[in-house]
Amino acid sequence: MREIEFRAWDVLNNKMLNWGDIFHLPAWEIFPGTPEQRSFNIMQYTGMKDKNGREIYEGDIVKFISRLDDSKRMGTVRYWAGDAAFLIECEREIFFLFHDALNREVIGNIYENPEILKDRR
């Protein structure tokens, strides 16, 4: 059984926060229904690490080798509730993070490095 971990993108300050960092903020910035509430995009840890030991989260951009045809690919990690699985969404294909992708490497994320996705084929 794995520990469930999260991180959050602080939309107001354009800054990635560890889950514990949020709880050091004033309550009125966290809870819904207050005028001062910040907007956060929450990302869950997949339970997997890349080839360099870096934790892989939803929203991460990863390079990997497709187990299907040994080709190099790049895509964004997403959670798909239909199969309760983490996927890598490429331009026209979807790969299961655990089964279909070998030699995974986190190269950025959709919030801090959106330009990476513009350069993919």
PDB file of N, CA and C in Angstrom:
ATOM      1  N   MET A   1       0.840  -1.171   0.000  1.00  0.00           N
ATOM      2  CA  MET A   1       0.000   0.000   0.000  1.00  0.00           C
ATOM      3  C   MET A   1       0.895   1.247   0.000  1.00  0.00           C
ATOM      4  N   ARG A   2       0.590   2.183  -0.847  1.00  0.00           N
ATOM      5  CA  ARG A   2       1.416   3.382  -0.945  1.00  0.00           C
ATOM      6  C   ARG A   2       0.779   4.553  -0.210  1.00  0.00           C
ATOM      7  N   GLU A   3       1.643   5.465   0.196  1.00  0.00           N
ATOM      8  CA  GLU A   3       1.165   6.688   0.826  1.00  0.00           C
ATOM      9  C   GLU A   3       0.647   7.621  -0.265  1.00  0.00           C
ATOM     10  N   ILE A   4      -0.497   8.235  -0.032  1.00  0.00           N
ATOM     11  CA  ILE A   4      -1.050   9.156  -1.014  1.00  0.00           C
ATOM     12  C   ILE A   4      -0.493  10.543  -0.727  1.00  0.00           C
ATOM     13  N   GLU A   5       0.152  11.120  -1.744  1.00  0.00           N
ATOM     14  CA  GLU A   5       0.792  12.425  -1.606  1.00  0.00           C
ATOM     15  C   GLU A   5       0.266  13.358  -2.691  1.00  0.00           C
ATOM     16  N   PHE A   6       0.340  14.647  -2.407  1.00  0.00           N
ATOM     17  CA  PHE A   6      -0.110  15.653  -3.356  1.00  0.00           C
ATOM     18  C   PHE A   6       0.891  16.800  -3.400  1.00  0.00           C
ATOM     19  N   ARG A   7       0.782  17.600  -4.438  1.00  0.00           N
ATOM     20  CA  ARG A   7       1.436  18.897  -4.516  1.00  0.00           C
ATOM     21  C   ARG A   7       0.405  19.837  -5.129  1.00  0.00           C
ATOM     22  N   ALA A   8       0.663  21.140  -5.078  1.00  0.00           N
ATOM     23  CA  ALA A   8      -0.325  22.094  -5.575  1.00  0.00           C
ATOM     24  C   ALA A   8       0.361  23.229  -6.326  1.00  0.00           C
ATOM     25  N   TRP A   9      -0.263  23.637  -7.428  1.00  0.00           N
ATOM     26  CA  TRP A   9       0.186  24.810  -8.164  1.00  0.00           C
ATOM     27  C   TRP A   9      -0.628  25.997  -7.663  1.00  0.00           C
ATOM     28  N   ASP A  10       0.056  26.993  -7.115  1.00  0.00           N
ATOM     29  CA  ASP A  10      -0.579  28.211  -6.627  1.00  0.00           C
ATOM     30  C   ASP A  10      -0.794  29.123  -7.835  1.00  0.00           C
ATOM     31  N   VAL A  11      -2.041  29.214  -8.288  1.00  0.00           N
ATOM     32  CA  VAL A  11      -2.368  29.957  -9.500  1.00  0.00           C
ATOM     33  C   VAL A  11      -2.069  31.448  -9.330  1.00  0.00           C
ATOM     34  N   LEU A  12      -2.341  31.986  -8.173  1.00  0.00           N
ATOM     35  CA  LEU A  12      -2.135  33.410  -7.913  1.00  0.00           C
ATOM     36  C   LEU A  12      -0.665  33.804  -7.984  1.00  0.00           C
ATOM     37  N   ASN A  13       0.205  32.994  -7.378  1.00  0.00           N
ATOM     38  CA  ASN A  13       1.629  33.322  -7.312  1.00  0.00           C
ATOM     39  C   ASN A  13       2.498  32.559  -8.308  1.00  0.00           C
ATOM     40  N   ASN A  14       1.865  31.735  -9.162  1.00  0.00           N
ATOM     41  CA  ASN A  14       2.613  30.923 -10.133  1.00  0.00           C
ATOM     42  C   ASN A  14       3.780  30.210  -9.473  1.00  0.00           C
ATOM     43  N   LYS A  15       3.444  29.394  -8.475  1.00  0.00           N
ATOM     44  CA  LYS A  15       4.472  28.722  -7.693  1.00  0.00           C
ATOM     45  C   LYS A  15       4.002  27.317  -7.309  1.00  0.00           C
ATOM     46  N   MET A  16       4.909  26.344  -7.428  1.00  0.00           N
ATOM     47  CA  MET A  16       4.602  24.976  -7.013  1.00  0.00           C
ATOM     48  C   MET A  16       4.800  24.858  -5.512  1.00  0.00           C
ATOM     49  N   LEU A  17       3.818  24.260  -4.835  1.00  0.00           N
ATOM     50  CA  LEU A  17       3.871  24.078  -3.391  1.00  0.00           C
ATOM     51  C   LEU A  17       3.813  22.603  -3.052  1.00  0.00           C
ATOM     52  N   ASN A  18       4.575  22.190  -2.074  1.00  0.00           N
ATOM     53  CA  ASN A  18       4.395  20.856  -1.519  1.00  0.00           C
ATOM     54  C   ASN A  18       3.100  20.888  -0.722  1.00  0.00           C
ATOM     55  N   TRP A  19       2.491  19.747  -0.542  1.00  0.00           N
ATOM     56  CA  TRP A  19       1.197  19.683   0.128  1.00  0.00           C
ATOM     57  C   TRP A  19       1.252  20.331   1.512  1.00  0.00           C
ATOM     58  N   GLY A  20       2.301  20.113   2.259  1.00  0.00           N
ATOM     59  CA  GLY A  20       2.425  20.678   3.593  1.00  0.00           C
ATOM     60  C   GLY A  20       2.520  22.193   3.596  1.00  0.00           C
ATOM     61  N   ASP A  21       3.013  22.776   2.499  1.00  0.00           N
ATOM     62  CA  ASP A  21       3.128  24.236   2.416  1.00  0.00           C
ATOM     63  C   ASP A  21       1.772  24.931   2.471  1.00  0.00           C
ATOM     64  N   ILE A  22       0.745  24.281   1.968  1.00  0.00           N
ATOM     65  CA  ILE A  22      -0.587  24.883   1.946  1.00  0.00           C
ATOM     66  C   ILE A  22      -1.102  25.107   3.361  1.00  0.00           C
ATOM     67  N   PHE A  23      -0.788  24.206   4.256  1.00  0.00           N
ATOM     68  CA  PHE A  23      -1.330  24.284   5.610  1.00  0.00           C
ATOM     69  C   PHE A  23      -0.658  25.357   6.459  1.00  0.00           C
ATOM     70  N   HIS A  24       0.375  25.989   5.928  1.00  0.00           N
ATOM     71  CA  HIS A  24       1.002  27.107   6.618  1.00  0.00           C
ATOM     72  C   HIS A  24       0.395  28.440   6.188  1.00  0.00           C
ATOM     73  N   LEU A  25      -0.536  28.374   5.224  1.00  0.00           N
ATOM     74  CA  LEU A  25      -1.219  29.587   4.769  1.00  0.00           C
ATOM     75  C   LEU A  25      -2.375  29.904   5.708  1.00  0.00           C
ATOM     76  N   PRO A  26      -2.795  31.161   5.772  1.00  0.00           N
ATOM     77  CA  PRO A  26      -3.973  31.491   6.578  1.00  0.00           C
ATOM     78  C   PRO A  26      -5.205  30.746   6.071  1.00  0.00           C
ATOM     79  N   ALA A  27      -6.073  30.340   6.966  1.00  0.00           N
ATOM     80  CA  ALA A  27      -7.251  29.540   6.616  1.00  0.00           C
ATOM     81  C   ALA A  27      -8.119  30.202   5.556  1.00  0.00           C
ATOM     82  N   TRP A  28      -8.244  31.533   5.586  1.00  0.00           N
ATOM     83  CA  TRP A  28      -9.107  32.206   4.623  1.00  0.00           C
ATOM     84  C   TRP A  28      -8.570  32.132   3.192  1.00  0.00           C
ATOM     85  N   GLU A  29      -7.293  31.790   3.031  1.00  0.00           N
ATOM     86  CA  GLU A  29      -6.742  31.642   1.683  1.00  0.00           C
ATOM     87  C   GLU A  29      -6.944  30.230   1.139  1.00  0.00           C
ATOM     88  N   ILE A  30      -7.307  29.298   1.991  1.00  0.00           N
ATOM     89  CA  ILE A  30      -7.415  27.900   1.584  1.00  0.00           C
ATOM     90  C   ILE A  30      -8.863  27.475   1.342  1.00  0.00           C
ATOM     91  N   PHE A  31      -9.749  27.833   2.235  1.00  0.00           N
ATOM     92  CA  PHE A  31     -11.096  27.274   2.212  1.00  0.00           C
ATOM     93  C   PHE A  31     -12.028  28.040   1.277  1.00  0.00           C
ATOM     94  N   PRO A  32     -12.866  27.293   0.557  1.00  0.00           N
ATOM     95  CA  PRO A  32     -13.801  27.911  -0.390  1.00  0.00           C
ATOM     96  C   PRO A  32     -14.792  28.836   0.314  1.00  0.00           C
ATOM     97  N   GLY A  33     -15.277  29.806  -0.447  1.00  0.00           N
ATOM     98  CA  GLY A  33     -16.327  30.674   0.057  1.00  0.00           C
ATOM     99  C   GLY A  33     -15.832  31.961   0.676  1.00  0.00           C
ATOM    100  N   THR A  34     -14.530  32.173   0.688  1.00  0.00           N
ATOM    101  CA  THR A  34     -14.006  33.423   1.228  1.00  0.00           C
ATOM    102  C   THR A  34     -13.462  34.258   0.079  1.00  0.00           C
ATOM    103  N   PRO A  35     -13.603  35.580   0.143  1.00  0.00           N
ATOM    104  CA  PRO A  35     -13.139  36.426  -0.960  1.00  0.00           C
ATOM    105  C   PRO A  35     -11.632  36.339  -1.209  1.00  0.00           C
ATOM    106  N   GLU A  36     -10.876  36.016  -0.175  1.00  0.00           N
ATOM    107  CA  GLU A  36      -9.425  35.976  -0.307  1.00  0.00           C
ATOM    108  C   GLU A  36      -8.901  34.615  -0.747  1.00  0.00           C
ATOM    109  N   GLN A  37      -9.804  33.682  -1.019  1.00  0.00           N
ATOM    110  CA  GLN A  37      -9.382  32.316  -1.332  1.00  0.00           C
ATOM    111  C   GLN A  37      -8.474  32.280  -2.558  1.00  0.00           C
ATOM    112  N   ARG A  38      -7.378  31.565  -2.435  1.00  0.00           N
ATOM    113  CA  ARG A  38      -6.467  31.347  -3.556  1.00  0.00           C
ATOM    114  C   ARG A  38      -6.985  30.189  -4.390  1.00  0.00           C
ATOM    115  N   SER A  39      -6.563  30.170  -5.612  1.00  0.00           N
ATOM    116  CA  SER A  39      -6.893  29.057  -6.480  1.00  0.00           C
ATOM    117  C   SER A  39      -5.672  28.136  -6.573  1.00  0.00           C
ATOM    118  N   PHE A  40      -5.907  26.854  -6.352  1.00  0.00           N
ATOM    119  CA  PHE A  40      -4.845  25.854  -6.428  1.00  0.00           C
ATOM    120  C   PHE A  40      -5.230  24.773  -7.422  1.00  0.00           C
ATOM    121  N   ASN A  41      -4.268  24.276  -8.165  1.00  0.00           N
ATOM    122  CA  ASN A  41      -4.446  23.081  -8.973  1.00  0.00           C
ATOM    123  C   ASN A  41      -3.711  21.965  -8.248  1.00  0.00           C
ATOM    124  N   ILE A  42      -4.463  20.956  -7.829  1.00  0.00           N
ATOM    125  CA  ILE A  42      -3.928  19.864  -7.020  1.00  0.00           C
ATOM    126  C   ILE A  42      -3.505  18.714  -7.923  1.00  0.00           C
ATOM    127  N   MET A  43      -2.319  18.155  -7.650  1.00  0.00           N
ATOM    128  CA  MET A  43      -1.794  17.032  -8.419  1.00  0.00           C
ATOM    129  C   MET A  43      -1.417  15.892  -7.484  1.00  0.00           C
ATOM    130  N   GLN A  44      -1.820  14.684  -7.836  1.00  0.00           N
ATOM    131  CA  GLN A  44      -1.546  13.516  -7.000  1.00  0.00           C
ATOM    132  C   GLN A  44      -0.269  12.819  -7.459  1.00  0.00           C
ATOM    133  N   TYR A  45       0.481  12.316  -6.486  1.00  0.00           N
ATOM    134  CA  TYR A  45       1.675  11.500  -6.750  1.00  0.00           C
ATOM    135  C   TYR A  45       1.226  10.149  -7.288  1.00  0.00           C
ATOM    136  N   THR A  46       1.882   9.668  -8.328  1.00  0.00           N
ATOM    137  CA  THR A  46       1.495   8.407  -8.967  1.00  0.00           C
ATOM    138  C   THR A  46       1.959   7.170  -8.207  1.00  0.00           C
ATOM    139  N   GLY A  47       2.879   7.358  -7.263  1.00  0.00           N
ATOM    140  CA  GLY A  47       3.465   6.218  -6.570  1.00  0.00           C
ATOM    141  C   GLY A  47       4.703   5.687  -7.280  1.00  0.00           C
ATOM    142  N   MET A  48       5.077   6.334  -8.400  1.00  0.00           N
ATOM    143  CA  MET A  48       6.234   5.905  -9.174  1.00  0.00           C
ATOM    144  C   MET A  48       7.279   7.010  -9.244  1.00  0.00           C
ATOM    145  N   LYS A  49       8.505   6.598  -9.469  1.00  0.00           N
ATOM    146  CA  LYS A  49       9.601   7.548  -9.650  1.00  0.00           C
ATOM    147  C   LYS A  49      10.180   7.356 -11.042  1.00  0.00           C
ATOM    148  N   ASP A  50      10.828   8.408 -11.539  1.00  0.00           N
ATOM    149  CA  ASP A  50      11.444   8.291 -12.854  1.00  0.00           C
ATOM    150  C   ASP A  50      12.811   7.629 -12.734  1.00  0.00           C
ATOM    151  N   LYS A  51      13.533   7.534 -13.834  1.00  0.00           N
ATOM    152  CA  LYS A  51      14.814   6.829 -13.843  1.00  0.00           C
ATOM    153  C   LYS A  51      15.863   7.515 -12.971  1.00  0.00           C
ATOM    154  N   ASN A  52      15.624   8.787 -12.606  1.00  0.00           N
ATOM    155  CA  ASN A  52      16.544   9.538 -11.754  1.00  0.00           C
ATOM    156  C   ASN A  52      16.093   9.588 -10.296  1.00  0.00           C
ATOM    157  N   GLY A  53      15.026   8.872  -9.964  1.00  0.00           N
ATOM    158  CA  GLY A  53      14.532   8.841  -8.595  1.00  0.00           C
ATOM    159  C   GLY A  53      13.569   9.974  -8.252  1.00  0.00           C
ATOM    160  N   ARG A  54      13.164  10.762  -9.233  1.00  0.00           N
ATOM    161  CA  ARG A  54      12.236  11.882  -9.013  1.00  0.00           C
ATOM    162  C   ARG A  54      10.798  11.371  -9.005  1.00  0.00           C
ATOM    163  N   GLU A  55      10.013  11.822  -8.031  1.00  0.00           N
ATOM    164  CA  GLU A  55       8.610  11.418  -7.951  1.00  0.00           C
ATOM    165  C   GLU A  55       7.840  11.938  -9.167  1.00  0.00           C
ATOM    166  N   ILE A  56       6.929  11.103  -9.690  1.00  0.00           N
ATOM    167  CA  ILE A  56       6.119  11.472 -10.849  1.00  0.00           C
ATOM    168  C   ILE A  56       4.716  11.830 -10.359  1.00  0.00           C
ATOM    169  N   TYR A  57       4.262  13.036 -10.707  1.00  0.00           N
ATOM    170  CA  TYR A  57       2.943  13.547 -10.332  1.00  0.00           C
ATOM    171  C   TYR A  57       2.088  13.776 -11.569  1.00  0.00           C
ATOM    172  N   GLU A  58       0.774  13.857 -11.362  1.00  0.00           N
ATOM    173  CA  GLU A  58      -0.118  14.320 -12.417  1.00  0.00           C
ATOM    174  C   GLU A  58       0.404  15.675 -12.881  1.00  0.00           C
ATOM    175  N   GLY A  59       0.290  15.947 -14.161  1.00  0.00           N
ATOM    176  CA  GLY A  59       0.741  17.228 -14.688  1.00  0.00           C
ATOM    177  C   GLY A  59       2.209  17.259 -15.064  1.00  0.00           C
ATOM    178  N   ASP A  60       2.958  16.227 -14.702  1.00  0.00           N
ATOM    179  CA  ASP A  60       4.365  16.181 -15.105  1.00  0.00           C
ATOM    180  C   ASP A  60       4.466  15.860 -16.590  1.00  0.00           C
ATOM    181  N   ILE A  61       5.493  16.387 -17.203  1.00  0.00           N
ATOM    182  CA  ILE A  61       5.802  16.076 -18.591  1.00  0.00           C
ATOM    183  C   ILE A  61       6.952  15.084 -18.556  1.00  0.00           C
ATOM    184  N   VAL A  62       6.758  13.935 -19.206  1.00  0.00           N
ATOM    185  CA  VAL A  62       7.772  12.882 -19.166  1.00  0.00           C
ATOM    186  C   VAL A  62       8.206  12.473 -20.568  1.00  0.00           C
ATOM    187  N   LYS A  63       9.491  12.137 -20.661  1.00  0.00           N
ATOM    188  CA  LYS A  63      10.029  11.475 -21.851  1.00  0.00           C
ATOM    189  C   LYS A  63      10.096  10.000 -21.492  1.00  0.00           C
ATOM    190  N   PHE A  64       9.843   9.141 -22.459  1.00  0.00           N
ATOM    191  CA  PHE A  64       9.872   7.706 -22.190  1.00  0.00           C
ATOM    192  C   PHE A  64      10.052   6.940 -23.480  1.00  0.00           C
ATOM    193  N   ILE A  65      10.289   5.660 -23.338  1.00  0.00           N
ATOM    194  CA  ILE A  65      10.374   4.765 -24.486  1.00  0.00           C
ATOM    195  C   ILE A  65       9.133   3.893 -24.471  1.00  0.00           C
ATOM    196  N   SER A  66       8.427   3.875 -25.582  1.00  0.00           N
ATOM    197  CA  SER A  66       7.209   3.080 -25.693  1.00  0.00           C
ATOM    198  C   SER A  66       7.559   1.597 -25.709  1.00  0.00           C
ATOM    199  N   ARG A  67       6.925   0.856 -24.839  1.00  0.00           N
ATOM    200  CA  ARG A  67       7.127  -0.597 -24.812  1.00  0.00           C
ATOM    201  C   ARG A  67       6.549  -1.235 -26.075  1.00  0.00           C
ATOM    202  N   LEU A  68       5.624  -0.549 -26.718  1.00  0.00           N
ATOM    203  CA  LEU A  68       4.961  -1.105 -27.898  1.00  0.00           C
ATOM    204  C   LEU A  68       5.882  -1.210 -29.112  1.00  0.00           C
ATOM    205  N   ASP A  69       6.700  -0.156 -29.342  1.00  0.00           N
ATOM    206  CA  ASP A  69       7.546  -0.171 -30.531  1.00  0.00           C
ATOM    207  C   ASP A  69       8.955   0.390 -30.300  1.00  0.00           C
ATOM    208  N   ASP A  70       9.349   0.538 -29.037  1.00  0.00           N
ATOM    209  CA  ASP A  70      10.676   1.031 -28.662  1.00  0.00           C
ATOM    210  C   ASP A  70      10.986   2.443 -29.170  1.00  0.00           C
ATOM    211  N   SER A  71       9.951   3.222 -29.483  1.00  0.00           N
ATOM    212  CA  SER A  71      10.191   4.593 -29.946  1.00  0.00           C
ATOM    213  C   SER A  71      10.209   5.565 -28.769  1.00  0.00           C
ATOM    214  N   LYS A  72      10.918   6.687 -28.947  1.00  0.00           N
ATOM    215  CA  LYS A  72      10.969   7.715 -27.908  1.00  0.00           C
ATOM    216  C   LYS A  72       9.728   8.582 -28.013  1.00  0.00           C
ATOM    217  N   ARG A  73       9.111   8.861 -26.869  1.00  0.00           N
ATOM    218  CA  ARG A  73       7.885   9.648 -26.826  1.00  0.00           C
ATOM    219  C   ARG A  73       7.981  10.691 -25.717  1.00  0.00           C
ATOM    220  N   MET A  74       7.026  11.614 -25.730  1.00  0.00           N
ATOM    221  CA  MET A  74       6.905  12.605 -24.677  1.00  0.00           C
ATOM    222  C   MET A  74       5.419  12.890 -24.479  1.00  0.00           C
ATOM    223  N   GLY A  75       5.005  13.046 -23.207  1.00  0.00           N
ATOM    224  CA  GLY A  75       3.612  13.331 -22.944  1.00  0.00           C
ATOM    225  C   GLY A  75       3.393  13.813 -21.517  1.00  0.00           C
ATOM    226  N   THR A  76       2.131  14.039 -21.210  1.00  0.00           N
ATOM    227  CA  THR A  76       1.724  14.581 -19.915  1.00  0.00           C
ATOM    228  C   THR A  76       1.049  13.503 -19.087  1.00  0.00           C
ATOM    229  N   VAL A  77       1.414  13.414 -17.810  1.00  0.00           N
ATOM    230  CA  VAL A  77       0.830  12.422 -16.908  1.00  0.00           C
ATOM    231  C   VAL A  77      -0.554  12.900 -16.482  1.00  0.00           C
ATOM    232  N   ARG A  78      -1.547  12.030 -16.623  1.00  0.00           N
ATOM    233  CA  ARG A  78      -2.935  12.309 -16.255  1.00  0.00           C
ATOM    234  C   ARG A  78      -3.491  11.119 -15.472  1.00  0.00           C
ATOM    235  N   TYR A  79      -4.523  11.385 -14.683  1.00  0.00           N
ATOM    236  CA  TYR A  79      -5.237  10.307 -13.998  1.00  0.00           C
ATOM    237  C   TYR A  79      -6.523  10.055 -14.767  1.00  0.00           C
ATOM    238  N   TRP A  80      -6.793   8.789 -15.058  1.00  0.00           N
ATOM    239  CA  TRP A  80      -8.016   8.428 -15.754  1.00  0.00           C
ATOM    240  C   TRP A  80      -8.875   7.592 -14.819  1.00  0.00           C
ATOM    241  N   ALA A  81      -9.986   8.153 -14.393  1.00  0.00           N
ATOM    242  CA  ALA A  81     -10.857   7.484 -13.427  1.00  0.00           C
ATOM    243  C   ALA A  81     -11.503   6.230 -14.007  1.00  0.00           C
ATOM    244  N   GLY A  82     -11.678   6.178 -15.320  1.00  0.00           N
ATOM    245  CA  GLY A  82     -12.315   5.024 -15.951  1.00  0.00           C
ATOM    246  C   GLY A  82     -11.630   3.713 -15.619  1.00  0.00           C
ATOM    247  N   ASP A  83     -10.312   3.720 -15.617  1.00  0.00           N
ATOM    248  CA  ASP A  83      -9.539   2.522 -15.273  1.00  0.00           C
ATOM    249  C   ASP A  83      -8.787   2.697 -13.970  1.00  0.00           C
ATOM    250  N   ALA A  84      -9.029   3.806 -13.284  1.00  0.00           N
ATOM    251  CA  ALA A  84      -8.316   4.126 -12.041  1.00  0.00           C
ATOM    252  C   ALA A  84      -6.813   3.948 -12.252  1.00  0.00           C
ATOM    253  N   ALA A  85      -6.311   4.619 -13.284  1.00  0.00           N
ATOM    254  CA  ALA A  85      -4.904   4.464 -13.653  1.00  0.00           C
ATOM    255  C   ALA A  85      -4.303   5.798 -14.068  1.00  0.00           C
ATOM    256  N   PHE A  86      -2.988   5.898 -13.926  1.00  0.00           N
ATOM    257  CA  PHE A  86      -2.271   7.055 -14.423  1.00  0.00           C
ATOM    258  C   PHE A  86      -1.813   6.762 -15.845  1.00  0.00           C
ATOM    259  N   LEU A  87      -2.017   7.728 -16.725  1.00  0.00           N
ATOM    260  CA  LEU A  87      -1.694   7.584 -18.133  1.00  0.00           C
ATOM    261  C   LEU A  87      -0.710   8.664 -18.558  1.00  0.00           C
ATOM    262  N   ILE A  88      -0.044   8.419 -19.678  1.00  0.00           N
ATOM    263  CA  ILE A  88       0.743   9.456 -20.318  1.00  0.00           C
ATOM    264  C   ILE A  88       0.001   9.808 -21.602  1.00  0.00           C
ATOM    265  N   GLU A  89      -0.446  11.042 -21.664  1.00  0.00           N
ATOM    266  CA  GLU A  89      -1.194  11.513 -22.823  1.00  0.00           C
ATOM    267  C   GLU A  89      -0.234  12.178 -23.787  1.00  0.00           C
ATOM    268  N   CYS A  90      -0.057  11.554 -24.940  1.00  0.00           N
ATOM    269  CA  CYS A  90       0.779  12.120 -25.984  1.00  0.00           C
ATOM    270  C   CYS A  90      -0.139  12.838 -26.967  1.00  0.00           C
ATOM    271  N   GLU A  91       0.410  13.342 -28.033  1.00  0.00           N
ATOM    272  CA  GLU A  91      -0.392  14.116 -28.970  1.00  0.00           C
ATOM    273  C   GLU A  91      -1.589  13.334 -29.510  1.00  0.00           C
ATOM    274  N   ARG A  92      -1.361  12.122 -29.958  1.00  0.00           N
ATOM    275  CA  ARG A  92      -2.453  11.334 -30.547  1.00  0.00           C
ATOM    276  C   ARG A  92      -2.602   9.949 -29.911  1.00  0.00           C
ATOM    277  N   GLU A  93      -1.856   9.693 -28.851  1.00  0.00           N
ATOM    278  CA  GLU A  93      -1.866   8.373 -28.238  1.00  0.00           C
ATOM    279  C   GLU A  93      -1.898   8.485 -26.724  1.00  0.00           C
ATOM    280  N   ILE A  94      -2.300   7.401 -26.096  1.00  0.00           N
ATOM    281  CA  ILE A  94      -2.310   7.338 -24.630  1.00  0.00           C
ATOM    282  C   ILE A  94      -1.590   6.059 -24.219  1.00  0.00           C
ATOM    283  N   PHE A  95      -0.708   6.181 -23.231  1.00  0.00           N
ATOM    284  CA  PHE A  95       0.060   5.045 -22.730  1.00  0.00           C
ATOM    285  C   PHE A  95      -0.183   4.911 -21.235  1.00  0.00           C
ATOM    286  N   PHE A  96      -0.281   3.686 -20.755  1.00  0.00           N
ATOM    287  CA  PHE A  96      -0.365   3.469 -19.318  1.00  0.00           C
ATOM    288  C   PHE A  96       1.010   3.733 -18.713  1.00  0.00           C
ATOM    289  N   LEU A  97       1.059   4.585 -17.709  1.00  0.00           N
ATOM    290  CA  LEU A  97       2.329   4.970 -17.097  1.00  0.00           C
ATOM    291  C   LEU A  97       3.092   3.762 -16.587  1.00  0.00           C
ATOM    292  N   PHE A  98       2.394   2.824 -15.978  1.00  0.00           N
ATOM    293  CA  PHE A  98       3.065   1.671 -15.383  1.00  0.00           C
ATOM    294  C   PHE A  98       3.434   0.615 -16.419  1.00  0.00           C
ATOM    295  N   HIS A  99       2.514   0.300 -17.331  1.00  0.00           N
ATOM    296  CA  HIS A  99       2.713  -0.832 -18.243  1.00  0.00           C
ATOM    297  C   HIS A  99       3.452  -0.498 -19.531  1.00  0.00           C
ATOM    298  N   ASP A 100       3.129   0.640 -20.135  1.00  0.00           N
ATOM    299  CA  ASP A 100       3.570   0.898 -21.502  1.00  0.00           C
ATOM    300  C   ASP A 100       4.820   1.763 -21.634  1.00  0.00           C
ATOM    301  N   ALA A 101       5.255   2.379 -20.547  1.00  0.00           N
ATOM    302  CA  ALA A 101       6.351   3.345 -20.652  1.00  0.00           C
ATOM    303  C   ALA A 101       7.587   2.865 -19.906  1.00  0.00           C
ATOM    304  N   LEU A 102       8.686   2.752 -20.629  1.00  0.00           N
ATOM    305  CA  LEU A 102       9.954   2.354 -20.040  1.00  0.00           C
ATOM    306  C   LEU A 102      10.886   3.552 -19.953  1.00  0.00           C
ATOM    307  N   ASN A 103      11.839   3.490 -19.040  1.00  0.00           N
ATOM    308  CA  ASN A 103      12.877   4.509 -18.956  1.00  0.00           C
ATOM    309  C   ASN A 103      12.290   5.922 -18.840  1.00  0.00           C
ATOM    310  N   ARG A 104      11.263   6.071 -17.988  1.00  0.00           N
ATOM    311  CA  ARG A 104      10.570   7.354 -17.826  1.00  0.00           C
ATOM    312  C   ARG A 104      11.488   8.397 -17.194  1.00  0.00           C
ATOM    313  N   GLU A 105      11.365   9.647 -17.676  1.00  0.00           N
ATOM    314  CA  GLU A 105      12.132  10.754 -17.098  1.00  0.00           C
ATOM    315  C   GLU A 105      11.260  12.003 -17.062  1.00  0.00           C
ATOM    316  N   VAL A 106      11.110  12.597 -15.877  1.00  0.00           N
ATOM    317  CA  VAL A 106      10.374  13.850 -15.738  1.00  0.00           C
ATOM    318  C   VAL A 106      11.251  14.973 -16.272  1.00  0.00           C
ATOM    319  N   ILE A 107      10.700  15.749 -17.216  1.00  0.00           N
ATOM    320  CA  ILE A 107      11.461  16.855 -17.799  1.00  0.00           C
ATOM    321  C   ILE A 107      10.825  18.212 -17.486  1.00  0.00           C
ATOM    322  N   GLY A 108       9.728  18.212 -16.761  1.00  0.00           N
ATOM    323  CA  GLY A 108       9.055  19.449 -16.393  1.00  0.00           C
ATOM    324  C   GLY A 108       7.620  19.162 -16.011  1.00  0.00           C
ATOM    325  N   ASN A 109       6.813  20.217 -15.963  1.00  0.00           N
ATOM    326  CA  ASN A 109       5.378  20.038 -15.703  1.00  0.00           C
ATOM    327  C   ASN A 109       4.595  21.091 -16.474  1.00  0.00           C
ATOM    328  N   ILE A 110       3.283  20.893 -16.576  1.00  0.00           N
ATOM    329  CA  ILE A 110       2.445  21.737 -17.428  1.00  0.00           C
ATOM    330  C   ILE A 110       2.305  23.167 -16.914  1.00  0.00           C
ATOM    331  N   TYR A 111       2.632  23.409 -15.661  1.00  0.00           N
ATOM    332  CA  TYR A 111       2.482  24.748 -15.088  1.00  0.00           C
ATOM    333  C   TYR A 111       3.768  25.566 -15.180  1.00  0.00           C
ATOM    334  N   GLU A 112       4.886  24.956 -14.867  1.00  0.00           N
ATOM    335  CA  GLU A 112       6.154  25.676 -14.864  1.00  0.00           C
ATOM    336  C   GLU A 112       6.858  25.639 -16.221  1.00  0.00           C
ATOM    337  N   ASN A 113       6.549  24.646 -17.045  1.00  0.00           N
ATOM    338  CA  ASN A 113       7.256  24.459 -18.314  1.00  0.00           C
ATOM    339  C   ASN A 113       6.317  24.161 -19.487  1.00  0.00           C
ATOM    340  N   PRO A 114       5.263  24.949 -19.694  1.00  0.00           N
ATOM    341  CA  PRO A 114       4.314  24.632 -20.775  1.00  0.00           C
ATOM    342  C   PRO A 114       4.943  24.678 -22.170  1.00  0.00           C
ATOM    343  N   GLU A 115       6.044  25.405 -22.312  1.00  0.00           N
ATOM    344  CA  GLU A 115       6.692  25.530 -23.608  1.00  0.00           C
ATOM    345  C   GLU A 115       7.237  24.195 -24.115  1.00  0.00           C
ATOM    346  N   ILE A 116       7.518  23.271 -23.222  1.00  0.00           N
ATOM    347  CA  ILE A 116       8.039  21.954 -23.633  1.00  0.00           C
ATOM    348  C   ILE A 116       7.050  21.263 -24.551  1.00  0.00           C
ATOM    349  N   LEU A 117       5.774  21.370 -24.251  1.00  0.00           N
ATOM    350  CA  LEU A 117       4.755  20.681 -25.053  1.00  0.00           C
ATOM    351  C   LEU A 117       4.587  21.305 -26.436  1.00  0.00           C
ATOM    352  N   LYS A 118       4.928  22.563 -26.592  1.00  0.00           N
ATOM    353  CA  LYS A 118       4.826  23.206 -27.896  1.00  0.00           C
ATOM    354  C   LYS A 118       5.842  22.663 -28.872  1.00  0.00           C
ATOM    355  N   ASP A 119       6.953  22.142 -28.342  1.00  0.00           N
ATOM    356  CA  ASP A 119       8.049  21.657 -29.178  1.00  0.00           C
ATOM    357  C   ASP A 119       7.925  20.191 -29.581  1.00  0.00           C
ATOM    358  N   ARG A 120       6.923  19.490 -29.032  1.00  0.00           N
ATOM    359  CA  ARG A 120       6.838  18.060 -29.368  1.00  0.00           C
ATOM    360  C   ARG A 120       6.310  17.857 -30.781  1.00  0.00           C
ATOM    361  N   ARG A 121       6.628  16.699 -31.299  1.00  0.00           N
ATOM    362  CA  ARG A 121       6.210  16.433 -32.666  1.00  0.00           C
ATOM    363  C   ARG A 121       4.773  16.053 -32.761  1.00  0.00           C
TER     364      ARG A 121
END
